[in-house]
Amino acid sequence: MSILITGAGGFVGQGLASALLTSSSPPPSLILTDLTEPPMPSLPPHLQHHIRRLPADLTDTQSRHNLLSSAASNHDLRAVYLLHGIMSSGAEANLNLGLSVNLDSTRALLDDLRTQHPGIRVVYTSSCAVYGPQPEGTLFSEDSTVPVPLSSYGTEKLMCEFLLSDYSRRGLLDGVVCRLPTVIVRPGKPTAAASSFASGIIREPLAGKEAVLPVRRELKLWNCSARVVVRNLVFAGEIDTKRFAEKGYLNRVVNLPGRTMTVQEMLDALERVGGKEVRDRVREEKDEVIEKIVYGWAVAYDTKRARELGFTEEQDLEQTVRDYVEGYVNT
């Protein structure tokens, strides 16, 4: 049995790979791919040999063919996690690149999978950027809120959601769409996501560096921890998808659990964990482009569907910051 993860060079993909190998017995064979060869996740040597790492340009037909041929060469391909993509600010800055990577390559890969591996489980990581602004107090849900994205990124994600849901309705694929909140704290370098600052204002000060806050402190963000989102992605790959229809859900979309917090509350959590000196390393410098994007995102979600299906609830932010310190700062 093998599992393919695209966009596996990112920290969610790395965490997912580690979780899949440590939570299964026997461990599956994993194929990790990204535009360049993904790094090896931090795992004991006896688990690392279950991993193959392959570079692939998913916008290229021959590259996709080679990838899927390699993925199915020694084991039956059981599931595919689609994590690849151009992030929100990058997709907004370069429309053609965003369409090529976020939409065209995803559609092409879904078409390859439905012909070569009909009925395979596909977990697609979408985004809460598919929603546009609604009146204050709106609780965004999968059924009652019409998505009206105000960014190219959100539009591209929504189109892929519709396509995978339709292929699942037809029985061509067995899809689960996970709408991720903003995931914090992301280790490593800043990304092209408009929400990158949400991790940066915690990660950089804890590393002794200055961080720039490009939005107002009263901004509210729907966010989640890396630990919980990885746990929920593993669950999405295992869930009996018949339960969606049994519960009367009209699509395969799940708003993953998260928490609504202001930037000020995030800074307060940073200070409680790291102290005032660390908190003072955050410098406010407004960026109208980023602010326009993130102020168009929804901030309160109805996660009843996720709870009913058995996904894991989110932990408090201070614990998330402490987990990051333990896992990345102190190691």
C-alpha atoms as a PDB file:
ATOM      1  CA  MET A   1       0.000   0.000   0.000  1.00  0.00           C
ATOM      2  CA  SER A   2       1.365   3.401  -0.930  1.00  0.00           C
ATOM      3  CA  ILE A   3       0.302   7.018  -0.400  1.00  0.00           C
ATOM      4  CA  LEU A   4       1.304   9.977  -2.562  1.00  0.00           C
ATOM      5  CA  ILE A   5       1.718  13.471  -1.079  1.00  0.00           C
ATOM      6  CA  THR A   6       2.153  16.447  -3.411  1.00  0.00           C
ATOM      7  CA  GLY A   7       3.581  19.688  -2.066  1.00  0.00           C
ATOM      8  CA  ALA A   8       5.449  17.507   0.407  1.00  0.00           C
ATOM      9  CA  GLY A   9       8.324  19.946   0.796  1.00  0.00           C
ATOM     10  CA  GLY A  10       6.214  22.204   2.998  1.00  0.00           C
ATOM     11  CA  PHE A  11       5.988  21.769   6.739  1.00  0.00           C
ATOM     12  CA  VAL A  12       2.408  20.408   6.638  1.00  0.00           C
ATOM     13  CA  GLY A  13       3.478  17.791   4.125  1.00  0.00           C
ATOM     14  CA  GLN A  14       6.509  16.897   6.235  1.00  0.00           C
ATOM     15  CA  GLY A  15       4.370  16.614   9.353  1.00  0.00           C
ATOM     16  CA  LEU A  16       1.758  14.555   7.524  1.00  0.00           C
ATOM     17  CA  ALA A  17       4.384  12.123   6.251  1.00  0.00           C
ATOM     18  CA  SER A  18       5.734  11.609   9.761  1.00  0.00           C
ATOM     19  CA  ALA A  19       2.236  11.132  11.191  1.00  0.00           C
ATOM     20  CA  LEU A  20       1.228   8.595   8.534  1.00  0.00           C
ATOM     21  CA  LEU A  21       4.302   6.473   9.211  1.00  0.00           C
ATOM     22  CA  THR A  22       4.129   6.628  13.002  1.00  0.00           C
ATOM     23  CA  SER A  23       0.369   6.043  13.273  1.00  0.00           C
ATOM     24  CA  SER A  24       0.042   2.993  11.004  1.00  0.00           C
ATOM     25  CA  SER A  25       1.086  -0.603  11.477  1.00  0.00           C
ATOM     26  CA  PRO A  26       2.527  -1.743   9.199  1.00  0.00           C
ATOM     27  CA  PRO A  27       3.713   1.630   7.900  1.00  0.00           C
ATOM     28  CA  PRO A  28       2.628   2.502   4.352  1.00  0.00           C
ATOM     29  CA  SER A  29       5.027   3.294   1.536  1.00  0.00           C
ATOM     30  CA  LEU A  30       5.095   7.061   1.003  1.00  0.00           C
ATOM     31  CA  ILE A  31       5.925   8.965  -2.166  1.00  0.00           C
ATOM     32  CA  LEU A  32       6.740  12.584  -1.392  1.00  0.00           C
ATOM     33  CA  THR A  33       6.887  15.002  -4.296  1.00  0.00           C
ATOM     34  CA  ASP A  34       7.401  18.692  -4.891  1.00  0.00           C
ATOM     35  CA  LEU A  35       8.897  20.866  -7.603  1.00  0.00           C
ATOM     36  CA  THR A  36      12.301  19.994  -6.161  1.00  0.00           C
ATOM     37  CA  GLU A  37      13.051  16.827  -4.202  1.00  0.00           C
ATOM     38  CA  PRO A  38      11.428  17.205  -0.759  1.00  0.00           C
ATOM     39  CA  PRO A  39      13.597  16.867   2.343  1.00  0.00           C
ATOM     40  CA  MET A  40      13.490  13.697   4.386  1.00  0.00           C
ATOM     41  CA  PRO A  41      11.124  14.104   7.370  1.00  0.00           C
ATOM     42  CA  SER A  42      12.643  13.798  10.836  1.00  0.00           C
ATOM     43  CA  LEU A  43      12.056  10.098  11.471  1.00  0.00           C
ATOM     44  CA  PRO A  44      13.983   7.113  12.841  1.00  0.00           C
ATOM     45  CA  PRO A  45      16.026   5.293  10.168  1.00  0.00           C
ATOM     46  CA  HIS A  46      13.751   2.232  10.251  1.00  0.00           C
ATOM     47  CA  LEU A  47      10.851   4.430   9.061  1.00  0.00           C
ATOM     48  CA  GLN A  48      12.796   6.520   6.552  1.00  0.00           C
ATOM     49  CA  HIS A  49      13.213   3.540   4.243  1.00  0.00           C
ATOM     50  CA  HIS A  50       9.434   3.599   3.669  1.00  0.00           C
ATOM     51  CA  ILE A  51       9.815   6.958   1.906  1.00  0.00           C
ATOM     52  CA  ARG A  52      10.652   7.794  -1.696  1.00  0.00           C
ATOM     53  CA  ARG A  53      11.225  11.455  -2.606  1.00  0.00           C
ATOM     54  CA  LEU A  54      10.702  12.553  -6.178  1.00  0.00           C
ATOM     55  CA  PRO A  55      10.828  15.947  -7.876  1.00  0.00           C
ATOM     56  CA  ALA A  56       7.925  16.595 -10.242  1.00  0.00           C
ATOM     57  CA  ASP A  57       6.474  19.514 -12.166  1.00  0.00           C
ATOM     58  CA  LEU A  58       2.749  18.792 -11.932  1.00  0.00           C
ATOM     59  CA  THR A  59       2.006  21.289 -14.698  1.00  0.00           C
ATOM     60  CA  ASP A  60       3.872  19.004 -17.120  1.00  0.00           C
ATOM     61  CA  THR A  61       2.103  15.963 -18.604  1.00  0.00           C
ATOM     62  CA  GLN A  62       5.174  13.745 -18.844  1.00  0.00           C
ATOM     63  CA  SER A  63       6.281  14.646 -15.320  1.00  0.00           C
ATOM     64  CA  ARG A  64       2.860  13.660 -13.918  1.00  0.00           C
ATOM     65  CA  HIS A  65       2.944  10.413 -15.890  1.00  0.00           C
ATOM     66  CA  ASN A  66       6.391   9.527 -14.543  1.00  0.00           C
ATOM     67  CA  LEU A  67       5.314  10.363 -11.008  1.00  0.00           C
ATOM     68  CA  LEU A  68       2.181   8.195 -11.056  1.00  0.00           C
ATOM     69  CA  SER A  69       4.026   5.339 -12.746  1.00  0.00           C
ATOM     70  CA  SER A  70       6.683   5.431 -10.048  1.00  0.00           C
ATOM     71  CA  ALA A  71       4.097   5.743  -7.271  1.00  0.00           C
ATOM     72  CA  ALA A  72       2.307   2.591  -8.397  1.00  0.00           C
ATOM     73  CA  SER A  73       5.383   0.591  -9.424  1.00  0.00           C
ATOM     74  CA  ASN A  74       5.850  -1.491  -6.277  1.00  0.00           C
ATOM     75  CA  HIS A  75       2.645  -1.015  -4.281  1.00  0.00           C
ATOM     76  CA  ASP A  76      -1.032  -0.392  -4.848  1.00  0.00           C
ATOM     77  CA  LEU A  77      -1.669   3.343  -4.643  1.00  0.00           C
ATOM     78  CA  ARG A  78      -4.259   3.734  -1.867  1.00  0.00           C
ATOM     79  CA  ALA A  79      -4.541   7.481  -1.368  1.00  0.00           C
ATOM     80  CA  VAL A  80      -3.318  10.831  -2.638  1.00  0.00           C
ATOM     81  CA  TYR A  81      -2.963  14.036  -0.628  1.00  0.00           C
ATOM     82  CA  LEU A  82      -2.972  17.185  -2.772  1.00  0.00           C
ATOM     83  CA  LEU A  83      -1.059  19.843  -0.834  1.00  0.00           C
ATOM     84  CA  HIS A  84       0.740  21.637  -3.664  1.00  0.00           C
ATOM     85  CA  GLY A  85      -0.070  25.162  -4.732  1.00  0.00           C
ATOM     86  CA  ILE A  86       0.917  28.798  -5.154  1.00  0.00           C
ATOM     87  CA  MET A  87      -0.062  30.644  -1.979  1.00  0.00           C
ATOM     88  CA  SER A  88      -2.519  33.539  -1.764  1.00  0.00           C
ATOM     89  CA  SER A  89      -0.242  36.549  -2.299  1.00  0.00           C
ATOM     90  CA  GLY A  90       1.701  34.725  -4.999  1.00  0.00           C
ATOM     91  CA  ALA A  91      -1.472  33.755  -6.860  1.00  0.00           C
ATOM     92  CA  GLU A  92      -2.758  37.318  -6.626  1.00  0.00           C
ATOM     93  CA  ALA A  93       0.502  38.766  -7.943  1.00  0.00           C
ATOM     94  CA  ASN A  94       0.802  36.314 -10.848  1.00  0.00           C
ATOM     95  CA  LEU A  95      -2.584  35.239 -12.224  1.00  0.00           C
ATOM     96  CA  ASN A  96      -1.243  32.905 -14.904  1.00  0.00           C
ATOM     97  CA  LEU A  97       1.079  31.096 -12.507  1.00  0.00           C
ATOM     98  CA  GLY A  98      -1.699  30.682  -9.957  1.00  0.00           C
ATOM     99  CA  LEU A  99      -4.076  29.288 -12.591  1.00  0.00           C
ATOM    100  CA  SER A 100      -1.436  26.929 -13.924  1.00  0.00           C
ATOM    101  CA  VAL A 101      -0.421  25.480 -10.558  1.00  0.00           C
ATOM    102  CA  ASN A 102      -3.549  25.789  -8.428  1.00  0.00           C
ATOM    103  CA  LEU A 103      -6.173  24.950 -11.044  1.00  0.00           C
ATOM    104  CA  ASP A 104      -4.748  23.407 -14.214  1.00  0.00           C
ATOM    105  CA  SER A 105      -2.284  21.006 -12.598  1.00  0.00           C
ATOM    106  CA  THR A 106      -4.856  19.901 -10.026  1.00  0.00           C
ATOM    107  CA  ARG A 107      -7.483  19.206 -12.666  1.00  0.00           C
ATOM    108  CA  ALA A 108      -4.951  17.324 -14.805  1.00  0.00           C
ATOM    109  CA  LEU A 109      -3.834  15.218 -11.837  1.00  0.00           C
ATOM    110  CA  LEU A 110      -7.444  14.440 -10.869  1.00  0.00           C
ATOM    111  CA  ASP A 111      -8.111  13.349 -14.452  1.00  0.00           C
ATOM    112  CA  ASP A 112      -5.004  11.152 -14.417  1.00  0.00           C
ATOM    113  CA  LEU A 113      -6.109   9.576 -11.154  1.00  0.00           C
ATOM    114  CA  ARG A 114      -9.708   8.913 -12.219  1.00  0.00           C
ATOM    115  CA  THR A 115      -8.535   7.062 -15.327  1.00  0.00           C
ATOM    116  CA  GLN A 116      -5.539   5.233 -13.870  1.00  0.00           C
ATOM    117  CA  HIS A 117      -6.750   4.673 -10.290  1.00  0.00           C
ATOM    118  CA  PRO A 118     -10.559   4.919 -10.353  1.00  0.00           C
ATOM    119  CA  GLY A 119     -12.174   5.314  -6.942  1.00  0.00           C
ATOM    120  CA  ILE A 120      -8.931   6.222  -5.156  1.00  0.00           C
ATOM    121  CA  ARG A 121      -9.117   8.357  -1.989  1.00  0.00           C
ATOM    122  CA  VAL A 122      -8.068  11.938  -2.721  1.00  0.00           C
ATOM    123  CA  VAL A 123      -7.668  14.426   0.127  1.00  0.00           C
ATOM    124  CA  TYR A 124      -7.585  17.980  -1.183  1.00  0.00           C
ATOM    125  CA  THR A 125      -6.391  20.792   1.038  1.00  0.00           C
ATOM    126  CA  SER A 126      -8.507  23.825   0.269  1.00  0.00           C
ATOM    127  CA  SER A 127      -8.709  27.098   2.140  1.00  0.00           C
ATOM    128  CA  CYS A 128     -11.124  29.317   3.998  1.00  0.00           C
ATOM    129  CA  ALA A 129     -10.172  31.904   1.358  1.00  0.00           C
ATOM    130  CA  VAL A 130     -13.035  30.430  -0.715  1.00  0.00           C
ATOM    131  CA  TYR A 131     -15.424  32.519   1.416  1.00  0.00           C
ATOM    132  CA  GLY A 132     -15.892  36.222   0.927  1.00  0.00           C
ATOM    133  CA  PRO A 133     -17.023  38.769   3.499  1.00  0.00           C
ATOM    134  CA  GLN A 134     -20.450  38.439   5.073  1.00  0.00           C
ATOM    135  CA  PRO A 135     -22.334  40.574   7.635  1.00  0.00           C
ATOM    136  CA  GLU A 136     -20.633  40.695  11.048  1.00  0.00           C
ATOM    137  CA  GLY A 137     -21.648  37.740  13.188  1.00  0.00           C
ATOM    138  CA  THR A 138     -22.083  35.351  10.247  1.00  0.00           C
ATOM    139  CA  LEU A 139     -21.156  31.775  11.087  1.00  0.00           C
ATOM    140  CA  PHE A 140     -19.731  30.286   7.917  1.00  0.00           C
ATOM    141  CA  SER A 141     -20.805  26.729   7.142  1.00  0.00           C
ATOM    142  CA  GLU A 142     -20.388  24.240   4.318  1.00  0.00           C
ATOM    143  CA  ASP A 143     -24.112  24.225   3.480  1.00  0.00           C
ATOM    144  CA  SER A 144     -25.667  27.582   4.293  1.00  0.00           C
ATOM    145  CA  THR A 145     -22.916  30.016   3.247  1.00  0.00           C
ATOM    146  CA  VAL A 146     -22.367  30.643  -0.458  1.00  0.00           C
ATOM    147  CA  PRO A 147     -18.613  30.966  -1.161  1.00  0.00           C
ATOM    148  CA  VAL A 148     -17.778  34.237  -2.934  1.00  0.00           C
ATOM    149  CA  PRO A 149     -13.961  34.442  -2.928  1.00  0.00           C
ATOM    150  CA  LEU A 150     -12.337  37.843  -3.262  1.00  0.00           C
ATOM    151  CA  SER A 151      -8.940  36.570  -4.402  1.00  0.00           C
ATOM    152  CA  SER A 152      -7.624  34.533  -7.319  1.00  0.00           C
ATOM    153  CA  TYR A 153      -6.297  31.972  -4.837  1.00  0.00           C
ATOM    154  CA  GLY A 154      -9.704  31.459  -3.238  1.00  0.00           C
ATOM    155  CA  THR A 155     -11.352  31.229  -6.661  1.00  0.00           C
ATOM    156  CA  GLU A 156      -8.883  28.585  -7.849  1.00  0.00           C
ATOM    157  CA  LYS A 157      -9.360  26.556  -4.685  1.00  0.00           C
ATOM    158  CA  LEU A 158     -13.151  26.708  -4.994  1.00  0.00           C
ATOM    159  CA  MET A 159     -13.102  25.481  -8.591  1.00  0.00           C
ATOM    160  CA  CYS A 160     -11.026  22.473  -7.548  1.00  0.00           C
ATOM    161  CA  GLU A 161     -13.433  21.777  -4.677  1.00  0.00           C
ATOM    162  CA  PHE A 162     -16.355  21.654  -7.085  1.00  0.00           C
ATOM    163  CA  LEU A 163     -14.490  19.385  -9.480  1.00  0.00           C
ATOM    164  CA  LEU A 164     -13.432  16.855  -6.837  1.00  0.00           C
ATOM    165  CA  SER A 165     -16.927  16.829  -5.317  1.00  0.00           C
ATOM    166  CA  ASP A 166     -18.425  16.149  -8.741  1.00  0.00           C
ATOM    167  CA  TYR A 167     -15.937  13.378  -9.505  1.00  0.00           C
ATOM    168  CA  SER A 168     -16.803  11.867  -6.110  1.00  0.00           C
ATOM    169  CA  ARG A 169     -20.534  12.124  -6.838  1.00  0.00           C
ATOM    170  CA  ARG A 170     -19.933  10.216 -10.057  1.00  0.00           C
ATOM    171  CA  GLY A 171     -17.873   7.561  -8.266  1.00  0.00           C
ATOM    172  CA  LEU A 172     -14.771   8.408 -10.289  1.00  0.00           C
ATOM    173  CA  LEU A 173     -12.761   9.342  -7.199  1.00  0.00           C
ATOM    174  CA  ASP A 174     -13.340   9.151  -3.440  1.00  0.00           C
ATOM    175  CA  GLY A 175     -12.622  12.713  -2.410  1.00  0.00           C
ATOM    176  CA  VAL A 176     -12.506  14.647   0.848  1.00  0.00           C
ATOM    177  CA  VAL A 177     -12.036  18.411   0.728  1.00  0.00           C
ATOM    178  CA  CYS A 178     -10.484  19.934   3.851  1.00  0.00           C
ATOM    179  CA  ARG A 179     -10.770  23.704   4.173  1.00  0.00           C
ATOM    180  CA  LEU A 180      -7.787  24.647   6.296  1.00  0.00           C
ATOM    181  CA  PRO A 181      -7.695  27.636   8.601  1.00  0.00           C
ATOM    182  CA  THR A 182      -4.497  29.688   8.712  1.00  0.00           C
ATOM    183  CA  VAL A 183      -1.961  27.212  10.142  1.00  0.00           C
ATOM    184  CA  ILE A 184       0.404  28.511  12.813  1.00  0.00           C
ATOM    185  CA  VAL A 185       3.193  28.400  13.784  1.00  0.00           C
ATOM    186  CA  ARG A 186       4.876  27.546  10.473  1.00  0.00           C
ATOM    187  CA  PRO A 187       8.632  26.917  10.898  1.00  0.00           C
ATOM    188  CA  GLY A 188      11.219  27.995   8.362  1.00  0.00           C
ATOM    189  CA  LYS A 189      11.164  31.009   6.085  1.00  0.00           C
ATOM    190  CA  PRO A 190       8.172  33.252   5.314  1.00  0.00           C
ATOM    191  CA  THR A 191       5.962  32.072   2.439  1.00  0.00           C
ATOM    192  CA  ALA A 192       4.020  33.890  -0.288  1.00  0.00           C
ATOM    193  CA  ALA A 193       0.789  33.414   1.673  1.00  0.00           C
ATOM    194  CA  ALA A 194      -0.935  36.649   2.680  1.00  0.00           C
ATOM    195  CA  SER A 195      -1.316  35.103   6.131  1.00  0.00           C
ATOM    196  CA  SER A 196       2.419  34.382   6.452  1.00  0.00           C
ATOM    197  CA  PHE A 197       2.713  37.168   9.016  1.00  0.00           C
ATOM    198  CA  ALA A 198       0.530  35.171  11.443  1.00  0.00           C
ATOM    199  CA  SER A 199       3.383  32.722  11.923  1.00  0.00           C
ATOM    200  CA  GLY A 200       6.097  35.313  11.430  1.00  0.00           C
ATOM    201  CA  ILE A 201       5.046  37.478  14.374  1.00  0.00           C
ATOM    202  CA  ILE A 202       5.554  34.450  16.634  1.00  0.00           C
ATOM    203  CA  ARG A 203       8.357  32.538  14.906  1.00  0.00           C
ATOM    204  CA  GLU A 204      10.776  35.401  14.278  1.00  0.00           C
ATOM    205  CA  PRO A 205      10.678  37.028  17.754  1.00  0.00           C
ATOM    206  CA  LEU A 206      11.188  33.630  19.386  1.00  0.00           C
ATOM    207  CA  ALA A 207      14.293  33.245  17.198  1.00  0.00           C
ATOM    208  CA  GLY A 208      15.613  36.628  18.358  1.00  0.00           C
ATOM    209  CA  LYS A 209      14.641  38.397  15.126  1.00  0.00           C
ATOM    210  CA  GLU A 210      12.421  41.352  14.349  1.00  0.00           C
ATOM    211  CA  ALA A 211       9.044  40.655  12.717  1.00  0.00           C
ATOM    212  CA  VAL A 212       6.829  42.997  10.717  1.00  0.00           C
ATOM    213  CA  LEU A 213       3.096  43.126  11.419  1.00  0.00           C
ATOM    214  CA  PRO A 214       1.414  44.351   8.189  1.00  0.00           C
ATOM    215  CA  VAL A 215      -2.169  44.541   9.481  1.00  0.00           C
ATOM    216  CA  ARG A 216      -4.058  46.127  12.342  1.00  0.00           C
ATOM    217  CA  ARG A 217      -3.970  44.369  15.687  1.00  0.00           C
ATOM    218  CA  GLU A 218      -7.777  44.169  15.848  1.00  0.00           C
ATOM    219  CA  LEU A 219      -7.829  41.947  12.735  1.00  0.00           C
ATOM    220  CA  LYS A 220      -9.497  38.599  13.460  1.00  0.00           C
ATOM    221  CA  LEU A 221      -8.104  35.400  11.971  1.00  0.00           C
ATOM    222  CA  TRP A 222      -9.459  31.876  11.839  1.00  0.00           C
ATOM    223  CA  ASN A 223      -6.408  29.735  12.644  1.00  0.00           C
ATOM    224  CA  CYS A 224      -5.309  26.314  13.820  1.00  0.00           C
ATOM    225  CA  SER A 225      -2.228  24.509  15.048  1.00  0.00           C
ATOM    226  CA  ALA A 226      -0.003  22.389  12.830  1.00  0.00           C
ATOM    227  CA  ARG A 227      -0.347  19.437  15.211  1.00  0.00           C
ATOM    228  CA  VAL A 228      -4.140  19.328  14.982  1.00  0.00           C
ATOM    229  CA  VAL A 229      -4.348  19.984  11.238  1.00  0.00           C
ATOM    230  CA  VAL A 230      -1.983  17.080  10.548  1.00  0.00           C
ATOM    231  CA  ARG A 231      -4.050  14.807  12.774  1.00  0.00           C
ATOM    232  CA  ASN A 232      -7.177  15.823  10.869  1.00  0.00           C
ATOM    233  CA  LEU A 233      -5.570  15.247   7.478  1.00  0.00           C
ATOM    234  CA  VAL A 234      -4.631  11.709   8.535  1.00  0.00           C
ATOM    235  CA  PHE A 235      -8.247  11.190   9.592  1.00  0.00           C
ATOM    236  CA  ALA A 236      -9.506  12.547   6.255  1.00  0.00           C
ATOM    237  CA  GLY A 237      -7.552   9.814   4.505  1.00  0.00           C
ATOM    238  CA  GLU A 238      -9.172   7.108   6.620  1.00  0.00           C
ATOM    239  CA  ILE A 239     -12.783   8.210   7.120  1.00  0.00           C
ATOM    240  CA  ASP A 240     -15.622   6.167   5.643  1.00  0.00           C
ATOM    241  CA  THR A 241     -16.922   8.665   3.089  1.00  0.00           C
ATOM    242  CA  LYS A 242     -20.340   6.979   2.984  1.00  0.00           C
ATOM    243  CA  ARG A 243     -21.002   8.925   6.162  1.00  0.00           C
ATOM    244  CA  PHE A 244     -21.215  12.170   4.190  1.00  0.00           C
ATOM    245  CA  ALA A 245     -24.295  10.920   2.308  1.00  0.00           C
ATOM    246  CA  GLU A 246     -25.730   9.150   5.346  1.00  0.00           C
ATOM    247  CA  LYS A 247     -25.744  12.445   7.235  1.00  0.00           C
ATOM    248  CA  GLY A 248     -27.341  14.257   4.315  1.00  0.00           C
ATOM    249  CA  TYR A 249     -24.287  16.342   3.364  1.00  0.00           C
ATOM    250  CA  LEU A 250     -24.506  17.533  -0.230  1.00  0.00           C
ATOM    251  CA  ASN A 251     -20.755  17.634  -0.834  1.00  0.00           C
ATOM    252  CA  ARG A 252     -17.460  16.248   0.464  1.00  0.00           C
ATOM    253  CA  VAL A 253     -16.289  19.523   2.030  1.00  0.00           C
ATOM    254  CA  VAL A 254     -15.267  19.912   5.681  1.00  0.00           C
ATOM    255  CA  ASN A 255     -14.367  23.142   7.450  1.00  0.00           C
ATOM    256  CA  LEU A 256     -11.591  21.870   9.698  1.00  0.00           C
ATOM    257  CA  PRO A 257     -11.735  22.963  13.344  1.00  0.00           C
ATOM    258  CA  GLY A 258      -9.970  26.155  14.325  1.00  0.00           C
ATOM    259  CA  ARG A 259     -10.255  29.181  16.586  1.00  0.00           C
ATOM    260  CA  THR A 260     -11.046  32.852  15.963  1.00  0.00           C
ATOM    261  CA  MET A 261      -8.489  35.225  17.467  1.00  0.00           C
ATOM    262  CA  THR A 262      -7.386  38.799  16.984  1.00  0.00           C
ATOM    263  CA  VAL A 263      -3.784  39.601  16.154  1.00  0.00           C
ATOM    264  CA  GLN A 264      -3.621  41.287  19.565  1.00  0.00           C
ATOM    265  CA  GLU A 265      -4.562  37.991  21.254  1.00  0.00           C
ATOM    266  CA  MET A 266      -1.803  36.275  19.299  1.00  0.00           C
ATOM    267  CA  LEU A 267       0.707  38.862  20.502  1.00  0.00           C
ATOM    268  CA  ASP A 268      -0.538  38.401  24.071  1.00  0.00           C
ATOM    269  CA  ALA A 269       0.038  34.632  23.810  1.00  0.00           C
ATOM    270  CA  LEU A 270       3.540  35.297  22.480  1.00  0.00           C
ATOM    271  CA  GLU A 271       4.300  37.529  25.454  1.00  0.00           C
ATOM    272  CA  ARG A 272       2.981  34.990  27.967  1.00  0.00           C
ATOM    273  CA  VAL A 273       5.290  32.339  26.528  1.00  0.00           C
ATOM    274  CA  GLY A 274       8.351  34.384  25.545  1.00  0.00           C
ATOM    275  CA  GLY A 275       8.165  37.515  27.681  1.00  0.00           C
ATOM    276  CA  LYS A 276       7.872  41.236  26.904  1.00  0.00           C
ATOM    277  CA  GLU A 277      11.306  41.464  25.301  1.00  0.00           C
ATOM    278  CA  VAL A 278      10.282  38.881  22.726  1.00  0.00           C
ATOM    279  CA  ARG A 279       6.925  40.576  22.132  1.00  0.00           C
ATOM    280  CA  ASP A 280       8.662  43.920  21.541  1.00  0.00           C
ATOM    281  CA  ARG A 281      10.462  42.492  18.512  1.00  0.00           C
ATOM    282  CA  VAL A 282       7.218  42.837  16.517  1.00  0.00           C
ATOM    283  CA  ARG A 283       7.146  46.075  14.515  1.00  0.00           C
ATOM    284  CA  GLU A 284       3.937  47.403  12.974  1.00  0.00           C
ATOM    285  CA  GLU A 285       4.185  48.432   9.331  1.00  0.00           C
ATOM    286  CA  LYS A 286       0.940  48.425   7.375  1.00  0.00           C
ATOM    287  CA  ASP A 287       0.792  46.693   3.980  1.00  0.00           C
ATOM    288  CA  GLU A 288      -2.394  47.654   2.155  1.00  0.00           C
ATOM    289  CA  VAL A 289      -2.169  44.752  -0.313  1.00  0.00           C
ATOM    290  CA  ILE A 290      -1.986  42.114   2.426  1.00  0.00           C
ATOM    291  CA  GLU A 291      -4.582  43.888   4.533  1.00  0.00           C
ATOM    292  CA  LYS A 292      -7.031  43.980   1.622  1.00  0.00           C
ATOM    293  CA  ILE A 293      -6.647  40.235   1.069  1.00  0.00           C
ATOM    294  CA  VAL A 294      -6.965  39.084   4.686  1.00  0.00           C
ATOM    295  CA  TYR A 295      -9.816  41.450   5.543  1.00  0.00           C
ATOM    296  CA  GLY A 296     -11.803  39.634   2.853  1.00  0.00           C
ATOM    297  CA  TRP A 297     -11.568  36.330   4.717  1.00  0.00           C
ATOM    298  CA  ALA A 298     -14.252  34.890   6.962  1.00  0.00           C
ATOM    299  CA  VAL A 299     -13.443  34.754  10.671  1.00  0.00           C
ATOM    300  CA  ALA A 300     -16.080  32.536  12.346  1.00  0.00           C
ATOM    301  CA  TYR A 301     -16.957  29.032  11.221  1.00  0.00           C
ATOM    302  CA  ASP A 302     -19.544  26.402  11.999  1.00  0.00           C
ATOM    303  CA  THR A 303     -17.517  23.208  12.473  1.00  0.00           C
ATOM    304  CA  LYS A 304     -20.492  21.033  13.392  1.00  0.00           C
ATOM    305  CA  ARG A 305     -19.884  18.825  10.357  1.00  0.00           C
ATOM    306  CA  ALA A 306     -16.273  18.208  11.382  1.00  0.00           C
ATOM    307  CA  ARG A 307     -17.351  17.326  14.919  1.00  0.00           C
ATOM    308  CA  GLU A 308     -20.083  14.971  13.715  1.00  0.00           C
ATOM    309  CA  LEU A 309     -17.643  13.167  11.438  1.00  0.00           C
ATOM    310  CA  GLY A 310     -15.063  12.784  14.213  1.00  0.00           C
ATOM    311  CA  PHE A 311     -12.361  15.317  13.343  1.00  0.00           C
ATOM    312  CA  THR A 312     -10.210  16.601  16.222  1.00  0.00           C
ATOM    313  CA  GLU A 313     -11.051  19.897  17.927  1.00  0.00           C
ATOM    314  CA  GLU A 314      -8.466  22.673  18.117  1.00  0.00           C
ATOM    315  CA  GLN A 315      -6.302  23.413  21.182  1.00  0.00           C
ATOM    316  CA  ASP A 316      -5.709  26.856  22.723  1.00  0.00           C
ATOM    317  CA  LEU A 317      -3.190  29.213  21.113  1.00  0.00           C
ATOM    318  CA  GLU A 318      -0.814  29.446  24.061  1.00  0.00           C
ATOM    319  CA  GLN A 319      -0.356  25.667  23.944  1.00  0.00           C
ATOM    320  CA  THR A 320       0.336  25.933  20.219  1.00  0.00           C
ATOM    321  CA  VAL A 321       3.096  28.472  20.867  1.00  0.00           C
ATOM    322  CA  ARG A 322       4.575  26.278  23.609  1.00  0.00           C
ATOM    323  CA  ASP A 323       4.489  23.274  21.252  1.00  0.00           C
ATOM    324  CA  TYR A 324       6.403  25.296  18.672  1.00  0.00           C
ATOM    325  CA  VAL A 325       9.026  26.342  21.228  1.00  0.00           C
ATOM    326  CA  GLU A 326       9.447  22.735  22.352  1.00  0.00           C
ATOM    327  CA  GLY A 327       9.566  21.330  18.823  1.00  0.00           C
ATOM    328  CA  TYR A 328      11.627  23.957  16.981  1.00  0.00           C
ATOM    329  CA  VAL A 329      13.164  26.596  19.247  1.00  0.00           C
ATOM    330  CA  ASN A 330      14.587  24.318  21.935  1.00  0.00           C
ATOM    331  CA  THR A 331      15.832  21.598  19.545  1.00  0.00           C
END
